[in-house]
Amino acid sequence: MSSYTISRHPEGVTLNRREYILDENDDLMLFDTADKAMDYLSEHMDLPSRDVSELEDHNIIIEKVD
């Protein structure tokens, strides 16, 4: 089963390691679908777009992990 993560590059610098969304136990939050990850983001911030590829232009990365 695949999962999706949400991350960003600190200060928008791609040389920096990504920061990931963590749960209350400091474990990596995994979402069943990209849409569920997008829903989570929508609940916690005002998104510039609901398109995953456009979010990357704003330093927000929703990525599939296996």
Protein backbone atom coordinates (compact mmCIF):
# COMPACT_ATOMS: atom_id res chain seq x y z
CA MET A 1 0.00 0.00 0.00
CA SER A 2 1.36 3.40 -0.94
CA SER A 3 1.23 6.43 1.29
CA TYR A 4 1.80 10.14 0.83
CA THR A 5 3.84 12.61 2.88
CA ILE A 6 3.85 16.40 3.11
CA SER A 7 7.16 18.24 3.23
CA ARG A 8 8.98 21.44 2.35
CA HIS A 9 12.54 22.69 2.02
CA PRO A 10 13.43 25.02 4.92
CA GLU A 11 13.75 28.58 3.70
CA GLY A 12 12.89 27.32 0.20
CA VAL A 13 16.48 26.17 -0.33
CA THR A 14 16.57 22.79 -2.06
CA LEU A 15 20.04 22.05 -0.70
CA ASN A 16 18.48 21.82 2.78
CA ARG A 17 16.93 18.55 3.87
CA ARG A 18 13.16 18.53 3.79
CA GLU A 19 11.00 19.17 6.83
CA TYR A 20 8.06 16.76 7.10
CA ILE A 21 4.67 16.98 8.80
CA LEU A 22 4.80 14.88 11.99
CA ASP A 23 2.06 13.59 14.26
CA GLU A 24 1.73 14.16 18.02
CA ASN A 25 4.29 11.38 18.65
CA ASP A 26 6.83 12.97 16.28
CA ASP A 27 6.29 10.16 13.76
CA LEU A 28 6.02 10.87 10.05
CA MET A 29 2.39 11.52 9.09
CA LEU A 30 1.27 9.29 6.24
CA PHE A 31 -1.87 9.84 4.18
CA ASP A 32 -3.70 7.20 2.13
CA THR A 33 -4.08 9.50 -0.88
CA ALA A 34 -2.75 12.83 -2.15
CA ASP A 35 -6.30 14.19 -1.74
CA LYS A 36 -6.31 13.32 1.97
CA ALA A 37 -2.94 15.06 2.37
CA MET A 38 -4.40 18.08 0.57
CA ASP A 39 -7.45 18.01 2.88
CA TYR A 40 -5.14 18.02 5.91
CA LEU A 41 -3.26 21.03 4.55
CA SER A 42 -6.52 22.83 3.79
CA GLU A 43 -7.60 22.42 7.42
CA HIS A 44 -4.35 23.95 8.70
CA MET A 45 -3.43 26.66 6.23
CA ASP A 46 -4.75 28.84 3.45
CA LEU A 47 -3.54 27.05 0.32
CA PRO A 48 -2.56 28.96 -2.82
CA SER A 49 -3.87 26.04 -4.93
CA ARG A 50 -5.44 22.57 -4.69
CA ASP A 51 -3.18 21.30 -7.48
CA VAL A 52 -0.24 19.24 -6.18
CA SER A 53 2.13 20.37 -8.94
CA GLU A 54 1.29 24.05 -8.29
CA LEU A 55 1.96 23.62 -4.57
CA GLU A 56 5.55 22.68 -5.38
CA ASP A 57 5.96 26.19 -6.79
CA HIS A 58 5.12 27.39 -3.25
CA ASN A 59 7.62 25.02 -1.57
CA ILE A 60 4.99 22.47 -0.45
CA ILE A 61 5.60 18.89 -1.59
CA ILE A 62 3.06 16.07 -1.44
CA GLU A 63 4.92 12.95 -2.41
CA LYS A 64 4.10 9.26 -2.81
CA VAL A 65 6.22 6.87 -0.75
CA ASP A 66 6.20 3.08 -0.96
